[in-house]
Amino acid sequence: MISIRKIGAIGRTYRHLQRYQRIIRILFKYGFDDLVEGLRIDQYLETGLKMINRKPREEIEKHSRPERFRMALEELGPTFIKLGQVLSTRPDLILPEYLYELAKLQDNVPPFSFAEVEEIFLAETGKKPNELFQDFDEEPMAAASIGQVHRGRLQDGNEVVIKVQRPNIENIIAVDLEILAHLASLMEQYLEELQGHRPSAVVDEFARSLSLEIDYTVELANVQRFARQFSENKTIYVPLVYSDLSSDRILTMEYIEGIKTSKLDTLRSQGYDLSLIAERGANLVMEQIFVHGFFHGDPHPGNIFILPDNVTCFIDFGMMGRLSRQDREDFTDLMLSIVTKNDRKITDGVLRITIQFGEIDHDALSRDLADLLDRYMYLPLKDLEAGKILQELLDLVQRHKLSIKPNLYLMIKALATIEGVGLVLDPDLELITLAEPYIKKVKAARLRPGRLAEEIGATSGEYLKLIQEMPEEVRGILRQLHAGRMKLEFEHRGLGKLATALDRVSNRVAFAIVLAAQIIGSSLIILSDIPPKWNGIPIIGLAGFLVAGVMGFWLLVSIIRHGRM
């Protein structure tokens, strides 16, 4: 799994200077020089930035800033494209116009050669594709930033698709993640408006999810688990996967011949029941979320095929969400408190599903939540859109210095996406009505005798363990006190800006001392009348004064540029 080594700890010597400079150059190209200057990257890449043209091209300036942001991410490559796709699901982090633009992100990358495909197969399986498959198309069906897909046929004649990972993609992503980690630390240090969003934590979470996505054995396991949880459900079909023809960098899966849910005319012409498909699709996603706690994280129209008899088939299991039992119960408690209009419980429910970044004004939060409910609770069910309500809830909690937990974000995105798909198929679809029995089922499961006995047993075991361990823990503390080894550790926070300021001051003082010494030394040389001379003045002394002048001008410019005299 990819790990992030904090670049900030390395100082001013970077292992990946060339890639870093390319990233900065692209940011300048698309008009984000204000961001680069705001992060003060020039302190770290001083020589590199002097060679970069700070003016964006004229053809770029005609695009809006969100458009330029998307274009920059696409040019920056796989890691940044994936980051943009993740950010498109985080309305708490970026503005709506950026969300809309990032949803258009495309992997505009050329395919890699079949010779490289063969090398990967040899490294992973010891054999070439034509030795493992009866047929293997050399031209890929599709190429993306992480890998590409080829169509093939097994020795038994079954048709399959084979995902092959790009050569050296893990190293490329590792380098970019290191740089992103450093940029995130600079954002926390210099951009006050982003500090509450914890950019470093966002990058850490992104690195974890991307590590899972580039390991194809994880996707294979996802498909197998998904198939097991729906093994008795005849309204859904899960593609077969072939573990003997898969590895970390290769995934072989059954080829699905179906109709995408976006092709409404084709579905109608072939006699499919669009209302039934919409209802089944919504029920399947809610069963994934509320019953199994393991759900498809990206159920957009391109990832859902319709098979004969209105059977639904999901594909692309790289992005899957997981909810613990506690997460599901917290969310259903919130939904039930909304239905019963219990203001106090609604506020408590929101606080349980969120992370707090500062002091919370409970009264103000309760008032805003009540206002949100008043706008929707008296509307007919057919006029309620779950996705819109959830989006407003996201905006509300952000204003109160709250952030919904990442796994719940993915769940909300999945619900909003499947509702959008369902409304295209059936404009009368009521997702809230369909969700009601699943929410009640989660609530009822908590009151089952077996569940209650399980929780009482677990709690009793924890208390018993605490009672057993307490005497030894107390004796350990007393021994440390008696021996004088008790230590208290304090962690200082928020001193990053002070440390940076002190570092800058000390550098300027040292620079000024060297400058003064240069001037004094040059004066002594001129007074000593040491040859060679120019117009009766020692040349070495003149050169010293010239250098001192350049140094003095450089120091003055640096002070003015950072806004401090």
Protein backbone atom coordinates (compact mmCIF):
# COMPACT_ATOMS: atom_id res chain seq x y z
CA MET A 1 0.00 0.00 0.00
CA ILE A 2 1.20 3.49 -0.83
CA SER A 3 2.37 5.55 2.13
CA ILE A 4 2.93 9.27 2.39
CA ARG A 5 6.32 10.44 3.65
CA LYS A 6 5.93 14.01 4.77
CA ILE A 7 7.93 16.16 2.41
CA GLY A 8 7.91 19.06 4.84
CA ALA A 9 10.36 17.16 7.05
CA ILE A 10 12.96 17.10 4.30
CA GLY A 11 13.54 20.87 4.32
CA ARG A 12 14.47 22.52 1.05
CA THR A 13 16.00 19.50 -0.65
CA TYR A 14 13.35 17.60 -2.61
CA ARG A 15 13.54 14.10 -3.98
CA HIS A 16 11.10 14.91 -6.77
CA LEU A 17 12.00 18.47 -7.72
CA GLN A 18 11.35 17.96 -11.44
CA ARG A 19 7.78 16.71 -10.88
CA TYR A 20 7.13 19.43 -8.31
CA GLN A 21 8.24 22.11 -10.77
CA ARG A 22 6.00 20.64 -13.48
CA ILE A 23 3.00 20.81 -11.14
CA ILE A 24 3.76 24.46 -10.31
CA ARG A 25 4.30 25.25 -14.01
CA ILE A 26 0.85 23.84 -14.88
CA LEU A 27 -0.77 25.81 -12.05
CA PHE A 28 0.82 28.98 -13.47
CA LYS A 29 -0.25 28.02 -16.97
CA TYR A 30 -3.90 27.87 -15.92
CA GLY A 31 -3.81 31.11 -13.96
CA PHE A 32 -3.39 29.85 -10.40
CA ASP A 33 -0.29 31.92 -9.63
CA ASP A 34 -2.22 33.53 -6.73
CA LEU A 35 -2.57 30.10 -5.11
CA VAL A 36 1.13 29.32 -5.58
CA GLU A 37 2.11 32.68 -4.11
CA GLY A 38 -0.40 32.29 -1.26
CA LEU A 39 1.21 28.98 -0.33
CA ARG A 40 4.65 30.67 -0.46
CA ILE A 41 6.14 27.78 -2.38
CA ASP A 42 8.88 30.14 -3.54
CA GLN A 43 10.51 29.60 -0.14
CA TYR A 44 10.96 25.94 -1.05
CA LEU A 45 11.51 26.03 -4.81
CA GLU A 46 13.16 29.46 -5.19
CA THR A 47 15.33 28.68 -8.19
CA GLY A 48 12.67 26.66 -9.98
CA LEU A 49 9.99 29.34 -9.83
CA LYS A 50 12.17 32.09 -11.29
CA MET A 51 12.20 30.25 -14.61
CA ILE A 52 8.40 29.86 -14.83
CA ASN A 53 6.24 32.27 -16.79
CA ARG A 54 3.62 33.58 -14.39
CA LYS A 55 1.15 34.78 -17.03
CA PRO A 56 -1.48 32.26 -18.20
CA ARG A 57 -1.90 31.85 -21.92
CA GLU A 58 -4.50 34.02 -23.63
CA GLU A 59 -6.50 31.00 -24.74
CA ILE A 60 -6.72 29.84 -21.12
CA GLU A 61 -7.95 33.17 -19.74
CA LYS A 62 -11.24 32.91 -21.63
CA HIS A 63 -12.27 29.96 -19.41
CA SER A 64 -13.82 30.36 -15.95
CA ARG A 65 -11.72 29.56 -12.89
CA PRO A 66 -13.57 26.25 -12.17
CA GLU A 67 -13.03 25.22 -15.82
CA ARG A 68 -9.32 26.03 -15.58
CA PHE A 69 -9.12 24.05 -12.34
CA ARG A 70 -10.58 20.98 -14.06
CA MET A 71 -8.28 21.42 -17.07
CA ALA A 72 -5.25 21.72 -14.80
CA LEU A 73 -6.16 18.50 -12.95
CA GLU A 74 -6.60 16.65 -16.26
CA GLU A 75 -3.17 17.78 -17.45
CA LEU A 76 -1.54 16.92 -14.11
CA GLY A 77 -2.40 13.26 -14.61
CA PRO A 78 -3.82 10.20 -12.79
CA THR A 79 -3.41 11.21 -9.16
CA PHE A 80 -4.89 14.67 -9.62
CA ILE A 81 -7.74 13.39 -11.80
CA LYS A 82 -8.68 10.96 -9.05
CA LEU A 83 -8.35 13.75 -6.46
CA GLY A 84 -10.74 15.89 -8.50
CA GLN A 85 -13.23 13.02 -8.68
CA VAL A 86 -13.05 12.63 -4.90
CA LEU A 87 -13.48 16.38 -4.38
CA SER A 88 -16.56 16.31 -6.61
CA THR A 89 -18.25 14.31 -3.82
CA ARG A 90 -17.22 16.76 -1.08
CA PRO A 91 -19.46 19.84 -1.14
CA ASP A 92 -18.14 20.73 2.33
CA LEU A 93 -14.72 21.43 0.80
CA ILE A 94 -15.38 23.21 -2.49
CA LEU A 95 -17.95 25.57 -3.97
CA PRO A 96 -20.94 24.30 -6.03
CA GLU A 97 -19.57 25.66 -9.34
CA TYR A 98 -16.41 23.60 -8.80
CA LEU A 99 -18.46 20.52 -7.93
CA TYR A 100 -20.32 20.82 -11.23
CA GLU A 101 -17.10 21.25 -13.19
CA LEU A 102 -15.22 18.43 -11.47
CA ALA A 103 -18.06 16.06 -12.32
CA LYS A 104 -16.90 16.43 -15.96
CA LEU A 105 -13.40 15.15 -15.24
CA GLN A 106 -12.26 12.71 -17.89
CA ASP A 107 -9.25 10.42 -18.11
CA ASN A 108 -7.98 11.85 -21.39
CA VAL A 109 -4.98 9.57 -21.66
CA PRO A 110 -3.74 7.48 -24.57
CA PRO A 111 -3.59 3.69 -24.20
CA PHE A 112 -0.27 2.02 -23.52
CA SER A 113 1.17 -0.49 -25.97
CA PHE A 114 0.33 -4.19 -26.19
CA ALA A 115 4.02 -4.94 -25.67
CA GLU A 116 3.73 -3.35 -22.22
CA VAL A 117 0.57 -5.37 -21.57
CA GLU A 118 2.52 -8.53 -22.33
CA GLU A 119 5.31 -7.46 -19.96
CA ILE A 120 2.79 -6.96 -17.16
CA PHE A 121 1.24 -10.38 -17.80
CA LEU A 122 4.68 -12.01 -17.76
CA ALA A 123 5.56 -10.29 -14.49
CA GLU A 124 2.23 -11.16 -12.84
CA THR A 125 1.45 -14.65 -14.24
CA GLY A 126 4.61 -15.84 -15.97
CA LYS A 127 2.68 -16.15 -19.25
CA LYS A 128 1.64 -13.95 -22.15
CA PRO A 129 -2.06 -13.16 -22.75
CA ASN A 130 -2.33 -15.46 -25.79
CA GLU A 131 -1.17 -18.35 -23.60
CA LEU A 132 -3.94 -17.76 -21.05
CA PHE A 133 -6.83 -16.75 -23.29
CA GLN A 134 -8.33 -18.22 -26.42
CA ASP A 135 -8.66 -14.65 -27.77
CA PHE A 136 -7.24 -11.38 -26.47
CA ASP A 137 -7.91 -8.11 -28.29
CA GLU A 138 -4.68 -6.15 -28.59
CA GLU A 139 -6.58 -2.85 -28.93
CA PRO A 140 -8.18 -1.82 -25.61
CA MET A 141 -11.90 -1.11 -25.31
CA ALA A 142 -11.17 1.87 -23.06
CA ALA A 143 -8.12 3.55 -21.54
CA ALA A 144 -8.08 5.45 -18.26
CA SER A 145 -5.47 6.99 -15.99
CA ILE A 146 -5.05 3.92 -13.77
CA GLY A 147 -5.37 1.20 -16.40
CA GLN A 148 -7.08 0.05 -19.57
CA VAL A 149 -9.63 -2.62 -20.48
CA HIS A 150 -9.24 -5.34 -23.11
CA ARG A 151 -11.85 -7.76 -24.33
CA GLY A 152 -11.03 -11.45 -24.47
CA ARG A 153 -12.32 -15.00 -24.53
CA LEU A 154 -11.46 -17.79 -22.08
CA GLN A 155 -10.34 -21.23 -23.19
CA ASP A 156 -13.90 -22.49 -22.48
CA GLY A 157 -15.35 -19.83 -24.80
CA ASN A 158 -16.79 -17.44 -22.20
CA GLU A 159 -16.32 -13.76 -23.01
CA VAL A 160 -14.48 -11.62 -20.49
CA VAL A 161 -13.03 -8.14 -19.98
CA ILE A 162 -9.51 -7.77 -18.60
CA LYS A 163 -8.36 -4.67 -16.71
CA VAL A 164 -4.61 -4.12 -16.93
CA GLN A 165 -2.87 -1.54 -14.76
CA ARG A 166 -0.62 1.11 -16.31
CA PRO A 167 3.13 0.47 -16.10
CA ASN A 168 4.83 2.18 -13.14
CA ILE A 169 1.56 3.82 -12.05
CA GLU A 170 2.17 3.07 -8.35
CA ASN A 171 5.47 4.99 -8.35
CA ILE A 172 3.88 7.92 -10.20
CA ILE A 173 1.05 8.10 -7.67
CA ALA A 174 3.44 7.78 -4.71
CA VAL A 175 5.46 10.80 -5.89
CA ASP A 176 2.32 12.88 -6.44
CA LEU A 177 0.93 11.94 -3.03
CA GLU A 178 4.12 13.10 -1.36
CA ILE A 179 3.82 16.45 -3.11
CA LEU A 180 0.11 16.70 -2.28
CA ALA A 181 0.93 16.03 1.37
CA HIS A 182 3.37 18.95 1.35
CA LEU A 183 0.91 21.25 -0.42
CA ALA A 184 -1.75 20.31 2.14
CA SER A 185 0.60 21.21 5.00
CA LEU A 186 1.25 24.60 3.35
CA MET A 187 -2.51 25.18 3.03
CA GLU A 188 -2.96 24.55 6.74
CA GLN A 189 -0.08 26.90 7.48
CA TYR A 190 -0.91 29.84 5.21
CA LEU A 191 -4.58 29.64 4.12
CA GLU A 192 -6.73 30.30 7.19
CA GLU A 193 -10.00 29.64 5.34
CA LEU A 194 -8.92 26.02 4.71
CA GLN A 195 -7.46 25.18 8.11
CA GLY A 196 -10.81 24.01 9.49
CA HIS A 197 -11.17 21.54 6.61
CA ARG A 198 -7.92 19.75 7.56
CA PRO A 199 -6.36 19.42 4.08
CA SER A 200 -3.74 16.97 5.40
CA ALA A 201 -6.47 14.65 6.68
CA VAL A 202 -8.23 14.86 3.30
CA VAL A 203 -4.98 13.89 1.52
CA ASP A 204 -4.41 11.03 3.97
CA GLU A 205 -7.90 9.68 3.33
CA PHE A 206 -7.46 10.13 -0.42
CA ALA A 207 -4.14 8.23 -0.32
CA ARG A 208 -5.80 5.36 1.52
CA SER A 209 -8.69 5.08 -0.94
CA LEU A 210 -6.40 5.40 -3.97
CA SER A 211 -4.14 2.66 -2.60
CA LEU A 212 -7.15 0.35 -2.48
CA GLU A 213 -8.26 1.34 -5.98
CA ILE A 214 -4.95 0.48 -7.66
CA ASP A 215 -4.85 -2.95 -6.01
CA TYR A 216 -7.09 -5.06 -8.25
CA THR A 217 -7.28 -7.87 -5.68
CA VAL A 218 -9.33 -5.46 -3.56
CA GLU A 219 -11.82 -4.95 -6.39
CA LEU A 220 -11.97 -8.71 -6.96
CA ALA A 221 -12.81 -9.22 -3.26
CA ASN A 222 -15.43 -6.47 -3.52
CA VAL A 223 -17.20 -8.28 -6.37
CA GLN A 224 -17.14 -11.57 -4.49
CA ARG A 225 -18.57 -10.01 -1.32
CA PHE A 226 -21.22 -8.15 -3.34
CA ALA A 227 -22.22 -11.40 -5.04
CA ARG A 228 -22.54 -13.22 -1.70
CA GLN A 229 -24.82 -10.61 -0.15
CA PHE A 230 -27.20 -10.78 -3.14
CA SER A 231 -26.92 -14.51 -3.84
CA GLU A 232 -30.66 -15.07 -3.13
CA ASN A 233 -31.90 -11.95 -4.93
CA LYS A 234 -33.10 -12.66 -8.47
CA THR A 235 -33.55 -8.98 -9.40
CA ILE A 236 -29.79 -8.37 -9.53
CA TYR A 237 -26.95 -10.03 -11.41
CA VAL A 238 -23.31 -9.74 -10.33
CA PRO A 239 -20.59 -10.44 -12.93
CA LEU A 240 -18.33 -13.42 -12.38
CA VAL A 241 -14.69 -12.79 -11.56
CA TYR A 242 -11.81 -15.16 -12.28
CA SER A 243 -9.31 -15.11 -9.43
CA ASP A 244 -6.93 -17.52 -11.20
CA LEU A 245 -6.60 -14.97 -14.02
CA SER A 246 -6.31 -11.93 -11.74
CA SER A 247 -3.59 -10.34 -9.61
CA ASP A 248 -2.64 -6.99 -8.07
CA ARG A 249 -2.37 -5.49 -11.56
CA ILE A 250 -4.76 -7.66 -13.62
CA LEU A 251 -8.50 -8.23 -13.13
CA THR A 252 -10.48 -10.65 -15.29
CA MET A 253 -14.26 -10.34 -15.15
CA GLU A 254 -17.26 -11.64 -17.08
CA TYR A 255 -18.24 -9.53 -20.09
CA ILE A 256 -21.74 -8.10 -19.62
CA GLU A 257 -23.99 -7.58 -22.65
CA GLY A 258 -26.70 -5.26 -21.39
CA ILE A 259 -28.33 -1.87 -21.91
CA LYS A 260 -27.16 1.15 -19.93
CA THR A 261 -29.86 2.89 -17.90
CA SER A 262 -29.11 6.12 -19.78
CA LYS A 263 -30.39 4.61 -23.06
CA LEU A 264 -34.10 5.18 -22.39
CA ASP A 265 -35.28 4.85 -26.00
CA THR A 266 -33.58 1.46 -26.37
CA LEU A 267 -35.09 0.23 -23.10
CA ARG A 268 -38.58 1.37 -24.14
CA SER A 269 -38.31 -0.07 -27.66
CA GLN A 270 -37.35 -3.47 -26.25
CA GLY A 271 -40.26 -3.55 -23.82
CA TYR A 272 -38.51 -2.93 -20.50
CA ASP A 273 -40.52 -1.62 -17.53
CA LEU A 274 -38.78 1.66 -16.64
CA SER A 275 -40.77 2.25 -13.43
CA LEU A 276 -39.95 -1.24 -12.19
CA ILE A 277 -36.26 -0.78 -13.06
CA ALA A 278 -36.18 2.53 -11.15
CA GLU A 279 -37.83 1.04 -8.07
CA ARG A 280 -35.61 -2.05 -8.10
CA GLY A 281 -32.46 0.00 -8.51
CA ALA A 282 -33.37 2.25 -5.57
CA ASN A 283 -34.29 -0.74 -3.40
CA LEU A 284 -31.03 -2.48 -4.25
CA VAL A 285 -28.92 0.53 -3.24
CA MET A 286 -30.84 0.98 0.01
CA GLU A 287 -30.50 -2.70 0.82
CA GLN A 288 -26.75 -2.37 0.26
CA ILE A 289 -26.60 0.61 2.63
CA PHE A 290 -29.07 -0.18 5.40
CA VAL A 291 -28.96 -3.99 5.48
CA HIS A 292 -25.43 -4.98 4.46
CA GLY A 293 -23.45 -1.80 5.15
CA PHE A 294 -21.45 -2.47 1.97
CA PHE A 295 -22.54 -0.51 -1.09
CA HIS A 296 -21.57 0.55 -4.60
CA GLY A 297 -20.09 4.03 -4.21
CA ASP A 298 -20.68 5.23 -7.78
CA PRO A 299 -24.02 3.96 -9.14
CA HIS A 300 -24.17 6.35 -12.10
CA PRO A 301 -25.88 5.32 -15.40
CA GLY A 302 -22.63 4.12 -16.98
CA ASN A 303 -22.12 1.61 -14.15
CA ILE A 304 -25.62 0.08 -14.28
CA PHE A 305 -26.70 -2.31 -17.02
CA ILE A 306 -30.20 -3.70 -17.51
CA LEU A 307 -30.48 -7.37 -18.49
CA PRO A 308 -33.52 -9.34 -19.74
CA ASP A 309 -36.48 -9.56 -17.30
CA ASN A 310 -35.59 -6.10 -15.94
CA VAL A 311 -32.64 -7.51 -13.99
CA THR A 312 -30.12 -4.93 -12.74
CA CYS A 313 -26.37 -5.46 -13.10
CA PHE A 314 -23.77 -3.21 -11.45
CA ILE A 315 -20.24 -3.02 -12.88
CA ASP A 316 -16.97 -1.33 -11.78
CA PHE A 317 -16.51 -2.19 -8.13
CA GLY A 318 -13.41 -0.08 -7.54
CA MET A 319 -15.25 2.48 -5.36
CA MET A 320 -17.19 0.74 -2.60
CA GLY A 321 -18.52 2.22 0.62
CA ARG A 322 -18.61 0.61 4.04
CA LEU A 323 -20.81 1.55 6.98
CA SER A 324 -20.46 0.11 10.45
CA ARG A 325 -23.59 -0.95 12.28
CA GLN A 326 -23.22 2.10 14.50
CA ASP A 327 -23.02 4.43 11.47
CA ARG A 328 -26.19 2.92 10.01
CA GLU A 329 -28.02 3.24 13.30
CA ASP A 330 -26.89 6.84 13.83
CA PHE A 331 -28.11 7.79 10.37
CA THR A 332 -31.47 6.00 10.76
CA ASP A 333 -31.93 7.66 14.19
CA LEU A 334 -31.46 11.02 12.47
CA MET A 335 -33.98 10.12 9.75
CA LEU A 336 -36.54 8.96 12.32
CA SER A 337 -36.12 12.07 14.44
CA ILE A 338 -36.70 14.15 11.30
CA VAL A 339 -39.90 12.23 10.52
CA THR A 340 -41.15 12.70 14.13
CA LYS A 341 -40.02 16.37 14.10
CA ASN A 342 -38.11 16.03 17.36
CA ASP A 343 -35.84 19.11 17.26
CA ARG A 344 -33.59 18.04 20.15
CA LYS A 345 -32.99 14.59 18.73
CA ILE A 346 -32.37 16.00 15.26
CA THR A 347 -29.57 18.20 16.61
CA ASP A 348 -28.08 15.30 18.59
CA GLY A 349 -28.34 13.07 15.52
CA VAL A 350 -26.51 15.58 13.32
CA LEU A 351 -23.72 15.87 15.90
CA ARG A 352 -23.33 12.06 16.00
CA ILE A 353 -22.76 11.75 12.25
CA THR A 354 -20.36 14.70 12.01
CA ILE A 355 -16.85 15.71 13.02
CA GLN A 356 -16.55 19.00 14.91
CA PHE A 357 -13.84 21.56 14.09
CA GLY A 358 -14.62 24.17 16.72
CA GLU A 359 -17.11 25.26 19.33
CA ILE A 360 -20.70 24.61 18.30
CA ASP A 361 -23.57 26.99 18.97
CA HIS A 362 -26.24 24.38 19.70
CA ASP A 363 -29.09 26.88 19.73
CA ALA A 364 -28.14 28.30 16.32
CA LEU A 365 -27.69 24.79 14.89
CA SER A 366 -31.12 23.74 16.20
CA ARG A 367 -32.76 26.85 14.71
CA ASP A 368 -31.20 26.27 11.28
CA LEU A 369 -32.21 22.61 11.31
CA ALA A 370 -35.77 23.58 12.27
CA ASP A 371 -35.86 26.07 9.38
CA LEU A 372 -34.66 23.34 7.00
CA LEU A 373 -37.41 21.00 8.17
CA ASP A 374 -40.09 23.66 7.89
CA ARG A 375 -39.26 24.09 4.20
CA TYR A 376 -39.81 20.43 3.38
CA MET A 377 -41.87 18.58 5.97
CA TYR A 378 -45.24 19.86 4.75
CA LEU A 379 -44.65 19.22 1.07
CA PRO A 380 -46.27 16.22 -0.67
CA LEU A 381 -43.98 13.21 -0.87
CA LYS A 382 -43.88 13.44 -4.66
CA ASP A 383 -42.29 16.90 -4.37
CA LEU A 384 -39.55 15.79 -1.98
CA GLU A 385 -36.11 15.05 -3.44
CA ALA A 386 -33.80 13.21 -1.04
CA GLY A 387 -30.68 14.36 -2.88
CA LYS A 388 -31.65 18.04 -2.62
CA ILE A 389 -32.49 17.77 1.07
CA LEU A 390 -29.23 15.99 1.84
CA GLN A 391 -27.29 18.60 -0.11
CA GLU A 392 -28.87 21.38 1.95
CA LEU A 393 -28.03 19.45 5.10
CA LEU A 394 -24.39 19.30 3.97
CA ASP A 395 -24.32 23.06 3.40
CA LEU A 396 -25.90 23.67 6.80
CA VAL A 397 -23.45 21.59 8.83
CA GLN A 398 -20.53 23.22 7.02
CA ARG A 399 -21.69 26.65 8.17
CA HIS A 400 -21.60 25.38 11.75
CA LYS A 401 -18.00 24.11 11.58
CA LEU A 402 -19.09 20.50 11.19
CA SER A 403 -18.09 17.91 8.62
CA ILE A 404 -19.99 14.71 7.89
CA LYS A 405 -17.87 11.58 8.23
CA PRO A 406 -16.26 10.50 4.89
CA ASN A 407 -18.03 7.12 4.70
CA LEU A 408 -21.38 8.83 5.22
CA TYR A 409 -20.52 11.33 2.47
CA LEU A 410 -20.10 8.45 0.04
CA MET A 411 -23.42 7.00 1.17
CA ILE A 412 -25.19 10.34 0.63
CA LYS A 413 -23.59 10.62 -2.80
CA ALA A 414 -24.74 7.09 -3.70
CA LEU A 415 -28.31 7.86 -2.59
CA ALA A 416 -28.38 11.13 -4.51
CA THR A 417 -26.93 9.47 -7.62
CA ILE A 418 -29.36 6.56 -7.65
CA GLU A 419 -32.26 8.97 -7.06
CA GLY A 420 -31.12 10.96 -10.10
CA VAL A 421 -30.97 7.78 -12.19
CA GLY A 422 -34.37 6.68 -10.89
CA LEU A 423 -36.07 10.01 -11.62
CA VAL A 424 -34.88 9.85 -15.23
CA LEU A 425 -36.44 6.40 -15.55
CA ASP A 426 -39.55 7.26 -13.53
CA PRO A 427 -40.30 10.93 -12.68
CA ASP A 428 -42.78 9.74 -9.99
CA LEU A 429 -40.15 7.81 -8.01
CA GLU A 430 -40.30 8.61 -4.27
CA LEU A 431 -36.99 7.57 -2.73
CA ILE A 432 -38.06 8.70 0.75
CA THR A 433 -41.10 6.40 0.65
CA LEU A 434 -38.96 3.47 -0.53
CA ALA A 435 -36.42 4.12 2.24
CA GLU A 436 -38.97 4.02 5.05
CA PRO A 437 -39.17 0.21 5.50
CA TYR A 438 -35.37 -0.11 5.51
CA ILE A 439 -35.03 2.58 8.19
CA LYS A 440 -37.69 0.86 10.32
CA LYS A 441 -35.91 -2.47 9.84
CA VAL A 442 -32.64 -1.04 11.20
CA LYS A 443 -34.54 0.42 14.17
CA ALA A 444 -36.33 -2.85 14.91
CA ALA A 445 -33.09 -4.84 14.70
CA ARG A 446 -31.76 -2.97 17.74
CA LEU A 447 -34.62 -4.31 19.90
CA ARG A 448 -34.23 -7.98 19.04
CA PRO A 449 -33.56 -10.12 22.16
CA GLY A 450 -30.41 -11.57 20.59
CA ARG A 451 -29.02 -8.10 19.84
CA LEU A 452 -29.82 -6.83 23.34
CA ALA A 453 -28.17 -9.88 24.91
CA GLU A 454 -25.13 -9.38 22.69
CA GLU A 455 -24.75 -5.73 23.72
CA ILE A 456 -25.28 -6.47 27.42
CA GLY A 457 -22.69 -9.25 27.23
CA ALA A 458 -20.17 -7.05 25.43
CA THR A 459 -20.65 -4.18 27.88
CA SER A 460 -20.40 -6.49 30.88
CA GLY A 461 -17.20 -7.99 29.48
CA GLU A 462 -15.66 -4.53 29.06
CA TYR A 463 -16.51 -3.54 32.63
CA LEU A 464 -15.16 -6.84 33.97
CA LYS A 465 -11.92 -6.36 32.06
CA LEU A 466 -11.64 -2.80 33.40
CA ILE A 467 -12.13 -3.99 37.00
CA GLN A 468 -9.51 -6.72 36.52
CA GLU A 469 -6.93 -4.37 35.02
CA MET A 470 -7.49 -1.39 37.33
CA PRO A 471 -5.40 -2.60 40.33
CA GLU A 472 -2.33 -3.24 38.15
CA GLU A 473 -2.74 0.11 36.36
CA VAL A 474 -2.98 1.94 39.72
CA ARG A 475 0.09 0.07 41.05
CA GLY A 476 2.02 1.06 37.91
CA ILE A 477 1.17 4.75 38.41
CA LEU A 478 2.16 4.59 42.10
CA ARG A 479 5.47 2.88 41.24
CA GLN A 480 6.31 5.65 38.73
CA LEU A 481 5.42 8.33 41.29
CA HIS A 482 7.56 6.66 43.95
CA ALA A 483 10.54 6.36 41.59
CA GLY A 484 10.12 9.94 40.33
CA ARG A 485 9.60 8.80 36.74
CA MET A 486 6.12 10.25 36.19
CA LYS A 487 6.19 12.50 33.14
CA LEU A 488 3.63 14.87 31.69
CA GLU A 489 3.82 15.54 27.96
CA PHE A 490 2.55 18.76 26.40
CA GLU A 491 1.84 19.17 22.71
CA HIS A 492 2.12 22.67 21.28
CA ARG A 493 -0.28 23.46 18.46
CA GLY A 494 -0.69 26.46 16.21
CA LEU A 495 3.00 27.47 16.40
CA GLY A 496 3.71 26.79 12.71
CA LYS A 497 3.31 30.41 11.65
CA LEU A 498 5.49 31.64 14.56
CA ALA A 499 8.24 29.15 13.66
CA THR A 500 8.12 30.25 10.02
CA ALA A 501 8.29 33.91 11.01
CA LEU A 502 11.25 33.29 13.35
CA ASP A 503 13.03 31.33 10.61
CA ARG A 504 12.50 34.20 8.16
CA VAL A 505 13.73 36.79 10.72
CA SER A 506 16.85 34.78 11.55
CA ASN A 507 17.64 34.34 7.85
CA ARG A 508 17.31 38.08 7.23
CA VAL A 509 19.49 38.94 10.25
CA ALA A 510 22.19 36.54 9.08
CA PHE A 511 21.90 37.95 5.55
CA ALA A 512 22.22 41.50 6.90
CA ILE A 513 25.32 40.57 8.93
CA VAL A 514 26.95 39.07 5.83
CA LEU A 515 25.98 42.21 3.87
CA ALA A 516 27.51 44.50 6.51
CA ALA A 517 30.69 42.42 6.56
CA GLN A 518 30.87 42.65 2.77
CA ILE A 519 30.61 46.47 2.91
CA ILE A 520 33.19 46.83 5.70
CA GLY A 521 35.61 44.44 4.00
CA SER A 522 35.31 46.26 0.68
CA SER A 523 35.90 49.61 2.43
CA LEU A 524 39.07 48.31 4.08
CA ILE A 525 40.39 47.01 0.75
CA ILE A 526 39.79 50.40 -0.90
CA LEU A 527 41.50 52.25 1.97
CA SER A 528 44.48 49.88 1.83
CA ASP A 529 45.03 50.92 -1.84
CA ILE A 530 45.68 47.32 -2.95
CA PRO A 531 46.21 46.84 -6.75
CA PRO A 532 44.97 46.17 -9.37
CA LYS A 533 43.20 49.49 -9.70
CA TRP A 534 40.69 51.23 -11.95
CA ASN A 535 40.85 55.03 -12.01
CA GLY A 536 42.96 54.85 -8.85
CA ILE A 537 40.40 52.67 -6.97
CA PRO A 538 41.17 48.99 -6.08
CA ILE A 539 39.06 46.74 -8.36
CA ILE A 540 38.51 44.10 -5.63
CA GLY A 541 36.96 46.75 -3.39
CA LEU A 542 34.68 47.96 -6.19
CA ALA A 543 33.59 44.39 -6.89
CA GLY A 544 32.81 43.95 -3.20
CA PHE A 545 30.63 47.07 -3.18
CA LEU A 546 28.84 45.84 -6.32
CA VAL A 547 28.06 42.48 -4.72
CA ALA A 548 26.92 44.24 -1.55
CA GLY A 549 24.60 46.45 -3.61
CA VAL A 550 23.01 43.44 -5.31
CA MET A 551 22.58 41.70 -1.95
CA GLY A 552 21.04 44.78 -0.39
CA PHE A 553 18.59 45.20 -3.28
CA TRP A 554 17.65 41.48 -3.08
CA LEU A 555 16.98 41.79 0.68
CA LEU A 556 14.81 44.88 0.16
CA VAL A 557 12.77 43.19 -2.60
CA SER A 558 12.25 40.09 -0.43
CA ILE A 559 10.98 42.21 2.48
CA ILE A 560 8.59 44.23 0.27
CA ARG A 561 7.32 41.09 -1.52
CA HIS A 562 6.26 39.49 1.77
CA GLY A 563 4.51 42.64 2.86
CA ARG A 564 6.77 43.54 5.77
CA MET A 565 9.25 46.44 6.00
